[in-house]
Amino acid sequence: MVSHMTTTYAVLSEGLEKRFGAVHALRGLDLAVAEGTVCGVLGPNGAGKTTAVRLLTTLLAPDAGSARVAGHDVVREQDAVRRAIGVTGQSASVDVELSGRQNLRLFARLHGMRGAAGRERAAELLDRFELADAADRAAGTYSGGMRRRLDLAASLLTRPRVLFLDEPTTGLDPASRNQIWSAVRALTAEGTTVLLTTQYLEEADRLADQIVLVDQGRAAVTGTPAELKARIGSYAQVVVADEGSMPRAAAVLDQLTGSRPQLDTATRTVGAVSMDPTITLPRLVRELDGATVPILDVSLRPPTLDEVFLRLTESANSRKELVT
């Protein structure tokens, strides 16, 4: 295992680069995921998240840079990496014509687990993921959430040290997402390291010990959810009485916060992030009243992770524009 100072990392990459023709998917990606934690890798479509997972799981070779997973080099020690990891991709990989039990036994045999060992591990995982009652039904009759749980169970047959989850809850209903989240928490409690890519900011907020915001193939910002939220201060939000008042409310928030307000005409809501600790709710109300903005509701609260992501990636892109 690779150690850096006093922390032991299950995933460590430095300067990962990958091109697909003219597309520069990764531009020097650095990751450091501590053992037994969940690292949430966030970013817009095309940011390089899935490419990073494919490199770290040995499905692709990097053009430059290096990476180690569970202490093994992803280029020189591919077999050792594959023995140490589990992978759940964006789409369920189960065979819809086989039953849940048959799927797990098939995957067990592919991993070299034959006979009683494979049968017992399959039964254990079916119980764990609340699929025992449907174990002998064709997977094609399962709901989307059940298929994802079966897919996750298949990735855990070998008790991997590192589990890669690439957007595991895309398209699932809230109840199914909660079931997946509970399973992930249980895994990390047992010592498994999880690298989670997701576009659901709430998912990362609920699960991740560390978040990496990936933008244009680089790690733009890294920190805990609380640290990232602290970096953008508070969020001022105003609900106005009529749509015509929104520009005046936006002007007030722009002047007070120094950041670009976000307008939602459907809800007549105007909001903006602020790093100024002197902005208080009474001051905000006075400024809006002075601008004759008819208010239905006004609040000053900690930011959501969605607001953090928009603000920090916007700031990172602004810095790149200044440099170029």
C-alpha atoms as a PDB file:
ATOM      1  CA  MET A   1       0.000   0.000   0.000  1.00  0.00           C
ATOM      2  CA  VAL A   2       1.229   3.493  -0.838  1.00  0.00           C
ATOM      3  CA  SER A   3       1.784   5.791   2.128  1.00  0.00           C
ATOM      4  CA  HIS A   4       2.044   9.551   2.048  1.00  0.00           C
ATOM      5  CA  MET A   5       2.967  11.128   5.401  1.00  0.00           C
ATOM      6  CA  THR A   6       0.716   9.367   7.985  1.00  0.00           C
ATOM      7  CA  THR A   7      -2.150   8.466   5.659  1.00  0.00           C
ATOM      8  CA  THR A   8      -2.454   5.183   3.800  1.00  0.00           C
ATOM      9  CA  TYR A   9      -4.102   5.540   0.403  1.00  0.00           C
ATOM     10  CA  ALA A  10      -6.162   2.911  -1.357  1.00  0.00           C
ATOM     11  CA  VAL A  11      -6.189   4.973  -4.566  1.00  0.00           C
ATOM     12  CA  LEU A  12      -3.400   7.350  -5.495  1.00  0.00           C
ATOM     13  CA  SER A  13      -2.940   8.942  -8.914  1.00  0.00           C
ATOM     14  CA  GLU A  14      -0.538  11.625 -10.064  1.00  0.00           C
ATOM     15  CA  GLY A  15      -0.769  13.528 -13.311  1.00  0.00           C
ATOM     16  CA  LEU A  16      -3.040  11.104 -15.163  1.00  0.00           C
ATOM     17  CA  GLU A  17      -3.398  12.049 -18.827  1.00  0.00           C
ATOM     18  CA  LYS A  18      -5.621  10.497 -21.484  1.00  0.00           C
ATOM     19  CA  ARG A  19      -6.462  11.559 -25.017  1.00  0.00           C
ATOM     20  CA  PHE A  20      -8.982  10.162 -27.478  1.00  0.00           C
ATOM     21  CA  GLY A  21      -7.887  11.715 -30.732  1.00  0.00           C
ATOM     22  CA  ALA A  22      -8.422  15.451 -30.434  1.00  0.00           C
ATOM     23  CA  VAL A  23     -10.301  15.066 -27.126  1.00  0.00           C
ATOM     24  CA  HIS A  24      -8.126  15.601 -24.054  1.00  0.00           C
ATOM     25  CA  ALA A  25     -10.227  13.691 -21.510  1.00  0.00           C
ATOM     26  CA  LEU A  26      -7.780  13.862 -18.578  1.00  0.00           C
ATOM     27  CA  ARG A  27      -5.277  16.670 -18.177  1.00  0.00           C
ATOM     28  CA  GLY A  28      -3.181  15.678 -15.176  1.00  0.00           C
ATOM     29  CA  LEU A  29      -5.682  14.233 -12.719  1.00  0.00           C
ATOM     30  CA  ASP A  30      -4.476  13.841  -9.129  1.00  0.00           C
ATOM     31  CA  LEU A  31      -6.425  11.728  -6.644  1.00  0.00           C
ATOM     32  CA  ALA A  32      -5.632  10.537  -3.122  1.00  0.00           C
ATOM     33  CA  VAL A  33      -8.285   8.342  -1.505  1.00  0.00           C
ATOM     34  CA  ALA A  34      -7.623   7.193   2.049  1.00  0.00           C
ATOM     35  CA  GLU A  35      -8.327   3.595   3.049  1.00  0.00           C
ATOM     36  CA  GLY A  36     -11.801   2.872   4.371  1.00  0.00           C
ATOM     37  CA  THR A  37     -13.352   6.107   3.107  1.00  0.00           C
ATOM     38  CA  VAL A  38     -15.769   7.204   0.399  1.00  0.00           C
ATOM     39  CA  CYS A  39     -14.382   9.617  -2.175  1.00  0.00           C
ATOM     40  CA  GLY A  40     -17.016  11.344  -4.279  1.00  0.00           C
ATOM     41  CA  VAL A  41     -15.782  12.375  -7.720  1.00  0.00           C
ATOM     42  CA  LEU A  42     -18.122  14.993  -9.150  1.00  0.00           C
ATOM     43  CA  GLY A  43     -18.221  16.854 -12.410  1.00  0.00           C
ATOM     44  CA  PRO A  44     -20.349  17.692 -15.435  1.00  0.00           C
ATOM     45  CA  ASN A  45     -20.731  15.354 -18.395  1.00  0.00           C
ATOM     46  CA  GLY A  46     -17.429  15.166 -20.245  1.00  0.00           C
ATOM     47  CA  ALA A  47     -15.363  16.187 -17.207  1.00  0.00           C
ATOM     48  CA  GLY A  48     -13.374  12.927 -17.287  1.00  0.00           C
ATOM     49  CA  LYS A  49     -14.954  10.980 -14.416  1.00  0.00           C
ATOM     50  CA  THR A  50     -15.684   7.764 -16.295  1.00  0.00           C
ATOM     51  CA  THR A  51     -12.335   7.905 -18.102  1.00  0.00           C
ATOM     52  CA  ALA A  52     -10.620   8.121 -14.709  1.00  0.00           C
ATOM     53  CA  VAL A  53     -12.514   5.053 -13.460  1.00  0.00           C
ATOM     54  CA  ARG A  54     -11.591   3.095 -16.595  1.00  0.00           C
ATOM     55  CA  LEU A  55      -7.918   3.967 -16.083  1.00  0.00           C
ATOM     56  CA  LEU A  56      -7.932   3.076 -12.403  1.00  0.00           C
ATOM     57  CA  THR A  57      -9.666  -0.250 -13.077  1.00  0.00           C
ATOM     58  CA  THR A  58      -7.149  -1.171 -15.838  1.00  0.00           C
ATOM     59  CA  LEU A  59      -9.680  -0.975 -18.683  1.00  0.00           C
ATOM     60  CA  LEU A  60      -7.590   1.788 -20.257  1.00  0.00           C
ATOM     61  CA  ALA A  61      -3.902   2.674 -20.103  1.00  0.00           C
ATOM     62  CA  PRO A  62      -2.904   6.253 -19.300  1.00  0.00           C
ATOM     63  CA  ASP A  63      -0.965   8.303 -21.829  1.00  0.00           C
ATOM     64  CA  ALA A  64       1.012   9.885 -18.984  1.00  0.00           C
ATOM     65  CA  GLY A  65       1.119   9.946 -15.204  1.00  0.00           C
ATOM     66  CA  SER A  66       0.834   7.080 -12.744  1.00  0.00           C
ATOM     67  CA  ALA A  67      -1.682   5.443 -10.450  1.00  0.00           C
ATOM     68  CA  ARG A  68      -1.746   2.789  -7.755  1.00  0.00           C
ATOM     69  CA  VAL A  69      -4.848   1.000  -6.490  1.00  0.00           C
ATOM     70  CA  ALA A  70      -4.675  -1.133  -3.340  1.00  0.00           C
ATOM     71  CA  GLY A  71      -0.900  -0.663  -3.518  1.00  0.00           C
ATOM     72  CA  HIS A  72      -0.551  -1.971  -7.089  1.00  0.00           C
ATOM     73  CA  ASP A  73       0.486  -0.088 -10.209  1.00  0.00           C
ATOM     74  CA  VAL A  74      -2.411   0.026 -12.677  1.00  0.00           C
ATOM     75  CA  VAL A  75      -0.094  -0.500 -15.676  1.00  0.00           C
ATOM     76  CA  ARG A  76       2.562  -2.911 -14.419  1.00  0.00           C
ATOM     77  CA  GLU A  77       0.404  -4.920 -11.983  1.00  0.00           C
ATOM     78  CA  GLN A  78      -2.950  -5.142 -13.709  1.00  0.00           C
ATOM     79  CA  ASP A  79      -3.825  -8.634 -12.495  1.00  0.00           C
ATOM     80  CA  ALA A  80      -3.162  -7.676  -8.871  1.00  0.00           C
ATOM     81  CA  VAL A  81      -5.313  -4.555  -9.249  1.00  0.00           C
ATOM     82  CA  ARG A  82      -8.170  -6.575 -10.731  1.00  0.00           C
ATOM     83  CA  ARG A  83      -8.048  -9.080  -7.864  1.00  0.00           C
ATOM     84  CA  ALA A  84      -8.304  -6.246  -5.344  1.00  0.00           C
ATOM     85  CA  ILE A  85     -11.227  -4.288  -6.803  1.00  0.00           C
ATOM     86  CA  GLY A  86     -14.915  -4.453  -7.542  1.00  0.00           C
ATOM     87  CA  VAL A  87     -16.615  -2.352 -10.212  1.00  0.00           C
ATOM     88  CA  THR A  88     -20.211  -1.292 -10.741  1.00  0.00           C
ATOM     89  CA  GLY A  89     -20.645   0.617 -13.996  1.00  0.00           C
ATOM     90  CA  GLN A  90     -23.263   3.116 -15.116  1.00  0.00           C
ATOM     91  CA  SER A  91     -25.541   0.356 -16.443  1.00  0.00           C
ATOM     92  CA  ALA A  92     -26.440  -2.882 -14.702  1.00  0.00           C
ATOM     93  CA  SER A  93     -24.438  -5.784 -16.162  1.00  0.00           C
ATOM     94  CA  VAL A  94     -26.706  -8.617 -15.047  1.00  0.00           C
ATOM     95  CA  ASP A  95     -28.184 -11.166 -17.455  1.00  0.00           C
ATOM     96  CA  VAL A  96     -31.924 -10.475 -17.510  1.00  0.00           C
ATOM     97  CA  GLU A  97     -32.778 -14.038 -18.557  1.00  0.00           C
ATOM     98  CA  LEU A  98     -31.053 -15.584 -15.544  1.00  0.00           C
ATOM     99  CA  SER A  99     -32.395 -15.414 -12.013  1.00  0.00           C
ATOM    100  CA  GLY A 100     -30.701 -13.315  -9.392  1.00  0.00           C
ATOM    101  CA  ARG A 101     -29.171 -16.412  -7.843  1.00  0.00           C
ATOM    102  CA  GLN A 102     -27.961 -17.701 -11.212  1.00  0.00           C
ATOM    103  CA  ASN A 103     -26.389 -14.338 -12.002  1.00  0.00           C
ATOM    104  CA  LEU A 104     -24.378 -14.340  -8.806  1.00  0.00           C
ATOM    105  CA  ARG A 105     -23.313 -17.972  -9.230  1.00  0.00           C
ATOM    106  CA  LEU A 106     -22.211 -17.194 -12.781  1.00  0.00           C
ATOM    107  CA  PHE A 107     -20.117 -14.245 -11.629  1.00  0.00           C
ATOM    108  CA  ALA A 108     -18.730 -16.389  -8.794  1.00  0.00           C
ATOM    109  CA  ARG A 109     -17.534 -19.010 -11.279  1.00  0.00           C
ATOM    110  CA  LEU A 110     -15.948 -16.300 -13.433  1.00  0.00           C
ATOM    111  CA  HIS A 111     -14.020 -15.254 -10.330  1.00  0.00           C
ATOM    112  CA  GLY A 112     -12.898 -18.844  -9.709  1.00  0.00           C
ATOM    113  CA  MET A 113     -15.346 -19.457  -6.851  1.00  0.00           C
ATOM    114  CA  ARG A 114     -16.814 -22.888  -7.618  1.00  0.00           C
ATOM    115  CA  GLY A 115     -18.980 -25.322  -5.736  1.00  0.00           C
ATOM    116  CA  ALA A 116     -20.154 -24.613  -2.212  1.00  0.00           C
ATOM    117  CA  ALA A 117     -18.035 -21.476  -1.814  1.00  0.00           C
ATOM    118  CA  GLY A 118     -19.779 -19.744  -4.734  1.00  0.00           C
ATOM    119  CA  ARG A 119     -23.246 -20.894  -3.663  1.00  0.00           C
ATOM    120  CA  GLU A 120     -22.756 -19.751  -0.076  1.00  0.00           C
ATOM    121  CA  ARG A 121     -21.363 -16.348  -1.064  1.00  0.00           C
ATOM    122  CA  ALA A 122     -24.233 -15.807  -3.518  1.00  0.00           C
ATOM    123  CA  ALA A 123     -26.807 -16.670  -0.839  1.00  0.00           C
ATOM    124  CA  GLU A 124     -25.091 -14.362   1.653  1.00  0.00           C
ATOM    125  CA  LEU A 125     -25.204 -11.428  -0.758  1.00  0.00           C
ATOM    126  CA  LEU A 126     -28.807 -12.062  -1.772  1.00  0.00           C
ATOM    127  CA  ASP A 127     -29.760 -11.835   1.896  1.00  0.00           C
ATOM    128  CA  ARG A 128     -27.619  -8.770   2.479  1.00  0.00           C
ATOM    129  CA  PHE A 129     -29.182  -6.838  -0.397  1.00  0.00           C
ATOM    130  CA  GLU A 130     -32.737  -7.929   0.419  1.00  0.00           C
ATOM    131  CA  LEU A 131     -33.079  -9.995  -2.752  1.00  0.00           C
ATOM    132  CA  ALA A 132     -33.561 -13.433  -1.202  1.00  0.00           C
ATOM    133  CA  ASP A 133     -37.328 -13.471  -1.828  1.00  0.00           C
ATOM    134  CA  ALA A 134     -36.749 -12.730  -5.523  1.00  0.00           C
ATOM    135  CA  ALA A 135     -33.587 -14.822  -5.857  1.00  0.00           C
ATOM    136  CA  ASP A 136     -35.112 -17.391  -8.212  1.00  0.00           C
ATOM    137  CA  ARG A 137     -36.991 -14.939 -10.429  1.00  0.00           C
ATOM    138  CA  ALA A 138     -35.538 -13.807 -13.747  1.00  0.00           C
ATOM    139  CA  ALA A 139     -33.577 -10.580 -13.295  1.00  0.00           C
ATOM    140  CA  GLY A 140     -35.584  -9.140 -16.184  1.00  0.00           C
ATOM    141  CA  THR A 141     -38.599  -8.993 -13.838  1.00  0.00           C
ATOM    142  CA  TYR A 142     -36.677  -6.923 -11.266  1.00  0.00           C
ATOM    143  CA  SER A 143     -37.234  -3.213 -10.755  1.00  0.00           C
ATOM    144  CA  GLY A 144     -34.413  -0.829 -11.619  1.00  0.00           C
ATOM    145  CA  GLY A 145     -33.391  -0.568  -7.979  1.00  0.00           C
ATOM    146  CA  MET A 146     -33.339  -4.350  -7.559  1.00  0.00           C
ATOM    147  CA  ARG A 147     -31.141  -4.758 -10.631  1.00  0.00           C
ATOM    148  CA  ARG A 148     -28.702  -2.172  -9.306  1.00  0.00           C
ATOM    149  CA  ARG A 149     -28.568  -3.956  -5.954  1.00  0.00           C
ATOM    150  CA  LEU A 150     -27.922  -7.244  -7.757  1.00  0.00           C
ATOM    151  CA  ASP A 151     -25.198  -5.566  -9.799  1.00  0.00           C
ATOM    152  CA  LEU A 152     -23.622  -4.198  -6.621  1.00  0.00           C
ATOM    153  CA  ALA A 153     -23.821  -7.639  -5.011  1.00  0.00           C
ATOM    154  CA  ALA A 154     -21.995  -9.137  -8.002  1.00  0.00           C
ATOM    155  CA  SER A 155     -19.172  -6.615  -7.597  1.00  0.00           C
ATOM    156  CA  LEU A 156     -18.734  -7.716  -3.966  1.00  0.00           C
ATOM    157  CA  LEU A 157     -18.420 -11.457  -4.525  1.00  0.00           C
ATOM    158  CA  THR A 158     -14.651 -11.390  -3.973  1.00  0.00           C
ATOM    159  CA  ARG A 159     -14.786  -8.974  -0.991  1.00  0.00           C
ATOM    160  CA  PRO A 160     -12.847  -6.233  -2.822  1.00  0.00           C
ATOM    161  CA  ARG A 161     -10.566  -3.855  -0.958  1.00  0.00           C
ATOM    162  CA  VAL A 162     -11.570  -1.018  -3.298  1.00  0.00           C
ATOM    163  CA  LEU A 163     -14.993  -0.621  -4.897  1.00  0.00           C
ATOM    164  CA  PHE A 164     -15.576   1.666  -7.884  1.00  0.00           C
ATOM    165  CA  LEU A 165     -19.143   2.896  -8.281  1.00  0.00           C
ATOM    166  CA  ASP A 166     -19.689   4.800 -11.520  1.00  0.00           C
ATOM    167  CA  GLU A 167     -22.965   6.742 -11.168  1.00  0.00           C
ATOM    168  CA  PRO A 168     -24.660   3.789  -9.435  1.00  0.00           C
ATOM    169  CA  THR A 169     -28.028   5.420  -8.728  1.00  0.00           C
ATOM    170  CA  THR A 170     -28.711   7.166 -12.035  1.00  0.00           C
ATOM    171  CA  GLY A 171     -32.409   6.870 -12.857  1.00  0.00           C
ATOM    172  CA  LEU A 172     -33.400   5.262  -9.570  1.00  0.00           C
ATOM    173  CA  ASP A 173     -36.313   6.400  -7.437  1.00  0.00           C
ATOM    174  CA  PRO A 174     -35.557   7.900  -3.986  1.00  0.00           C
ATOM    175  CA  ALA A 175     -36.311   4.669  -2.108  1.00  0.00           C
ATOM    176  CA  SER A 176     -33.934   2.659  -4.312  1.00  0.00           C
ATOM    177  CA  ARG A 177     -31.241   5.315  -3.984  1.00  0.00           C
ATOM    178  CA  ASN A 178     -31.533   5.140  -0.200  1.00  0.00           C
ATOM    179  CA  GLN A 179     -31.065   1.364  -0.315  1.00  0.00           C
ATOM    180  CA  ILE A 180     -27.880   1.749  -2.352  1.00  0.00           C
ATOM    181  CA  TRP A 181     -26.635   4.457   0.017  1.00  0.00           C
ATOM    182  CA  SER A 182     -27.226   2.209   3.028  1.00  0.00           C
ATOM    183  CA  ALA A 183     -25.249  -0.563   1.344  1.00  0.00           C
ATOM    184  CA  VAL A 184     -22.333   1.781   0.647  1.00  0.00           C
ATOM    185  CA  ARG A 185     -22.246   2.977   4.268  1.00  0.00           C
ATOM    186  CA  ALA A 186     -22.200  -0.623   5.486  1.00  0.00           C
ATOM    187  CA  LEU A 187     -19.294  -1.443   3.177  1.00  0.00           C
ATOM    188  CA  THR A 188     -17.125   1.425   4.384  1.00  0.00           C
ATOM    189  CA  ALA A 189     -17.941   0.521   7.992  1.00  0.00           C
ATOM    190  CA  GLU A 190     -16.354  -2.865   7.215  1.00  0.00           C
ATOM    191  CA  GLY A 191     -13.222  -1.213   5.789  1.00  0.00           C
ATOM    192  CA  THR A 192     -13.905  -1.165   2.053  1.00  0.00           C
ATOM    193  CA  THR A 193     -12.722   1.935   0.211  1.00  0.00           C
ATOM    194  CA  VAL A 194     -15.254   3.381  -2.233  1.00  0.00           C
ATOM    195  CA  LEU A 195     -14.606   5.698  -5.149  1.00  0.00           C
ATOM    196  CA  LEU A 196     -17.965   7.057  -6.231  1.00  0.00           C
ATOM    197  CA  THR A 197     -18.611   9.079  -9.366  1.00  0.00           C
ATOM    198  CA  THR A 198     -21.957  10.802  -9.408  1.00  0.00           C
ATOM    199  CA  GLN A 199     -23.898  13.722 -10.786  1.00  0.00           C
ATOM    200  CA  TYR A 200     -26.171  13.764  -7.742  1.00  0.00           C
ATOM    201  CA  LEU A 201     -24.737  16.358  -5.401  1.00  0.00           C
ATOM    202  CA  GLU A 202     -26.981  15.168  -2.558  1.00  0.00           C
ATOM    203  CA  GLU A 203     -25.533  11.675  -2.973  1.00  0.00           C
ATOM    204  CA  ALA A 204     -21.987  12.929  -2.500  1.00  0.00           C
ATOM    205  CA  ASP A 205     -23.047  15.115   0.413  1.00  0.00           C
ATOM    206  CA  ARG A 206     -24.651  12.162   2.174  1.00  0.00           C
ATOM    207  CA  LEU A 207     -21.939   9.560   1.518  1.00  0.00           C
ATOM    208  CA  ALA A 208     -18.550  11.107   0.832  1.00  0.00           C
ATOM    209  CA  ASP A 209     -15.787  11.692   3.359  1.00  0.00           C
ATOM    210  CA  GLN A 210     -13.923  13.585   0.642  1.00  0.00           C
ATOM    211  CA  ILE A 211     -15.105  15.242  -2.558  1.00  0.00           C
ATOM    212  CA  VAL A 212     -13.103  15.938  -5.689  1.00  0.00           C
ATOM    213  CA  LEU A 213     -14.662  18.343  -8.175  1.00  0.00           C
ATOM    214  CA  VAL A 214     -13.358  17.352 -11.602  1.00  0.00           C
ATOM    215  CA  ASP A 215     -13.582  19.919 -14.372  1.00  0.00           C
ATOM    216  CA  GLN A 216     -12.045  19.621 -17.850  1.00  0.00           C
ATOM    217  CA  GLY A 217      -9.980  16.598 -16.856  1.00  0.00           C
ATOM    218  CA  ARG A 218      -8.429  18.057 -13.703  1.00  0.00           C
ATOM    219  CA  ALA A 219      -9.176  18.005  -9.996  1.00  0.00           C
ATOM    220  CA  ALA A 220     -10.395  21.589  -9.703  1.00  0.00           C
ATOM    221  CA  VAL A 221     -11.197  21.507  -5.971  1.00  0.00           C
ATOM    222  CA  THR A 222     -10.781  18.887  -3.206  1.00  0.00           C
ATOM    223  CA  GLY A 223     -12.080  18.791   0.358  1.00  0.00           C
ATOM    224  CA  THR A 224     -14.699  17.432   2.724  1.00  0.00           C
ATOM    225  CA  PRO A 225     -18.308  18.508   2.076  1.00  0.00           C
ATOM    226  CA  ALA A 226     -18.100  20.864   5.059  1.00  0.00           C
ATOM    227  CA  GLU A 227     -14.814  22.374   3.852  1.00  0.00           C
ATOM    228  CA  LEU A 228     -16.175  22.998   0.375  1.00  0.00           C
ATOM    229  CA  LYS A 229     -19.301  24.633   1.755  1.00  0.00           C
ATOM    230  CA  ALA A 230     -17.199  26.853   4.018  1.00  0.00           C
ATOM    231  CA  ARG A 231     -15.246  28.073   1.001  1.00  0.00           C
ATOM    232  CA  ILE A 232     -18.257  29.862  -0.453  1.00  0.00           C
ATOM    233  CA  GLY A 233     -19.743  31.229   2.758  1.00  0.00           C
ATOM    234  CA  SER A 234     -23.515  31.675   2.930  1.00  0.00           C
ATOM    235  CA  TYR A 235     -26.374  31.698   0.455  1.00  0.00           C
ATOM    236  CA  ALA A 236     -28.832  34.585   0.312  1.00  0.00           C
ATOM    237  CA  GLN A 237     -32.218  33.790  -1.190  1.00  0.00           C
ATOM    238  CA  VAL A 238     -35.227  36.024  -1.837  1.00  0.00           C
ATOM    239  CA  VAL A 239     -38.708  35.107  -2.999  1.00  0.00           C
ATOM    240  CA  VAL A 240     -40.431  38.174  -4.471  1.00  0.00           C
ATOM    241  CA  ALA A 241     -44.118  38.923  -4.871  1.00  0.00           C
ATOM    242  CA  ASP A 242     -44.039  39.411  -8.641  1.00  0.00           C
ATOM    243  CA  GLU A 243     -41.723  38.508 -11.492  1.00  0.00           C
ATOM    244  CA  GLY A 244     -41.164  42.173 -12.383  1.00  0.00           C
ATOM    245  CA  SER A 245     -39.360  42.702  -9.072  1.00  0.00           C
ATOM    246  CA  MET A 246     -36.752  40.023  -9.742  1.00  0.00           C
ATOM    247  CA  PRO A 247     -34.256  42.330 -11.516  1.00  0.00           C
ATOM    248  CA  ARG A 248     -34.279  44.743  -8.540  1.00  0.00           C
ATOM    249  CA  ALA A 249     -33.781  41.873  -6.104  1.00  0.00           C
ATOM    250  CA  ALA A 250     -30.931  40.578  -8.273  1.00  0.00           C
ATOM    251  CA  ALA A 251     -29.294  44.004  -8.290  1.00  0.00           C
ATOM    252  CA  VAL A 252     -29.410  44.136  -4.474  1.00  0.00           C
ATOM    253  CA  LEU A 253     -27.884  40.681  -4.111  1.00  0.00           C
ATOM    254  CA  ASP A 254     -25.266  41.446  -6.741  1.00  0.00           C
ATOM    255  CA  GLN A 255     -24.199  44.592  -4.869  1.00  0.00           C
ATOM    256  CA  LEU A 256     -24.194  42.898  -1.456  1.00  0.00           C
ATOM    257  CA  THR A 257     -22.519  39.615  -2.353  1.00  0.00           C
ATOM    258  CA  GLY A 258     -20.367  40.468  -5.350  1.00  0.00           C
ATOM    259  CA  SER A 259     -21.452  37.225  -7.051  1.00  0.00           C
ATOM    260  CA  ARG A 260     -23.769  36.573  -9.961  1.00  0.00           C
ATOM    261  CA  PRO A 261     -27.352  35.997  -8.742  1.00  0.00           C
ATOM    262  CA  GLN A 262     -29.306  32.967  -9.951  1.00  0.00           C
ATOM    263  CA  LEU A 263     -32.911  33.648 -11.007  1.00  0.00           C
ATOM    264  CA  ASP A 264     -35.765  31.135 -11.102  1.00  0.00           C
ATOM    265  CA  THR A 265     -38.781  32.783 -12.701  1.00  0.00           C
ATOM    266  CA  ALA A 266     -41.043  29.781 -12.014  1.00  0.00           C
ATOM    267  CA  THR A 267     -40.725  30.288  -8.265  1.00  0.00           C
ATOM    268  CA  ARG A 268     -39.838  34.026  -8.427  1.00  0.00           C
ATOM    269  CA  THR A 269     -36.671  33.213  -6.481  1.00  0.00           C
ATOM    270  CA  VAL A 270     -33.371  35.080  -6.628  1.00  0.00           C
ATOM    271  CA  GLY A 271     -30.292  33.719  -4.862  1.00  0.00           C
ATOM    272  CA  ALA A 272     -26.570  34.391  -4.601  1.00  0.00           C
ATOM    273  CA  VAL A 273     -23.603  33.085  -2.623  1.00  0.00           C
ATOM    274  CA  SER A 274     -21.669  35.415  -0.336  1.00  0.00           C
ATOM    275  CA  MET A 275     -18.247  35.305   1.293  1.00  0.00           C
ATOM    276  CA  ASP A 276     -18.932  38.487   3.275  1.00  0.00           C
ATOM    277  CA  PRO A 277     -19.474  37.620   6.975  1.00  0.00           C
ATOM    278  CA  THR A 278     -20.925  41.099   7.625  1.00  0.00           C
ATOM    279  CA  ILE A 279     -24.031  40.326   5.590  1.00  0.00           C
ATOM    280  CA  THR A 280     -26.814  39.560   8.049  1.00  0.00           C
ATOM    281  CA  LEU A 281     -30.474  38.828   7.522  1.00  0.00           C
ATOM    282  CA  PRO A 282     -31.595  42.244   8.916  1.00  0.00           C
ATOM    283  CA  ARG A 283     -29.144  44.031   6.599  1.00  0.00           C
ATOM    284  CA  LEU A 284     -30.415  42.037   3.625  1.00  0.00           C
ATOM    285  CA  VAL A 285     -34.025  42.911   4.470  1.00  0.00           C
ATOM    286  CA  ARG A 286     -33.149  46.629   4.840  1.00  0.00           C
ATOM    287  CA  GLU A 287     -31.406  46.720   1.462  1.00  0.00           C
ATOM    288  CA  LEU A 288     -34.313  45.012  -0.267  1.00  0.00           C
ATOM    289  CA  ASP A 289     -36.782  47.348   1.418  1.00  0.00           C
ATOM    290  CA  GLY A 290     -34.713  50.347   0.319  1.00  0.00           C
ATOM    291  CA  ALA A 291     -34.917  49.117  -3.265  1.00  0.00           C
ATOM    292  CA  THR A 292     -38.716  48.713  -2.910  1.00  0.00           C
ATOM    293  CA  VAL A 293     -38.587  44.976  -3.544  1.00  0.00           C
ATOM    294  CA  PRO A 294     -41.837  43.292  -2.401  1.00  0.00           C
ATOM    295  CA  ILE A 295     -40.686  40.253  -0.416  1.00  0.00           C
ATOM    296  CA  LEU A 296     -42.577  37.047   0.271  1.00  0.00           C
ATOM    297  CA  ASP A 297     -39.631  35.290   1.899  1.00  0.00           C
ATOM    298  CA  VAL A 298     -35.953  35.953   2.545  1.00  0.00           C
ATOM    299  CA  SER A 299     -33.274  33.694   4.005  1.00  0.00           C
ATOM    300  CA  LEU A 300     -29.547  33.505   4.670  1.00  0.00           C
ATOM    301  CA  ARG A 301     -28.350  29.916   5.033  1.00  0.00           C
ATOM    302  CA  PRO A 302     -25.421  27.574   4.486  1.00  0.00           C
ATOM    303  CA  PRO A 303     -25.004  26.587   0.811  1.00  0.00           C
ATOM    304  CA  THR A 304     -26.002  23.264  -0.670  1.00  0.00           C
ATOM    305  CA  LEU A 305     -23.397  21.186  -2.433  1.00  0.00           C
ATOM    306  CA  ASP A 306     -25.073  22.035  -5.753  1.00  0.00           C
ATOM    307  CA  GLU A 307     -24.374  25.722  -5.099  1.00  0.00           C
ATOM    308  CA  VAL A 308     -20.809  24.909  -4.059  1.00  0.00           C
ATOM    309  CA  PHE A 309     -20.229  23.000  -7.285  1.00  0.00           C
ATOM    310  CA  LEU A 310     -21.602  25.768  -9.499  1.00  0.00           C
ATOM    311  CA  ARG A 311     -19.625  28.456  -7.696  1.00  0.00           C
ATOM    312  CA  LEU A 312     -16.288  26.645  -7.481  1.00  0.00           C
ATOM    313  CA  THR A 313     -16.288  25.328 -11.039  1.00  0.00           C
ATOM    314  CA  GLU A 314     -17.289  28.791 -12.226  1.00  0.00           C
ATOM    315  CA  SER A 315     -14.353  30.253 -10.293  1.00  0.00           C
ATOM    316  CA  ALA A 316     -11.951  27.630 -11.674  1.00  0.00           C
ATOM    317  CA  ASN A 317     -13.064  28.354 -15.240  1.00  0.00           C
ATOM    318  CA  SER A 318     -12.693  32.092 -14.660  1.00  0.00           C
ATOM    319  CA  ARG A 319      -9.098  31.593 -13.510  1.00  0.00           C
ATOM    320  CA  LYS A 320      -8.344  29.529 -16.631  1.00  0.00           C
ATOM    321  CA  GLU A 321      -9.785  32.278 -18.849  1.00  0.00           C
ATOM    322  CA  LEU A 322      -7.584  34.842 -17.131  1.00  0.00           C
ATOM    323  CA  VAL A 323      -4.495  32.699 -17.677  1.00  0.00           C
ATOM    324  CA  THR A 324      -5.250  32.042 -21.344  1.00  0.00           C
END
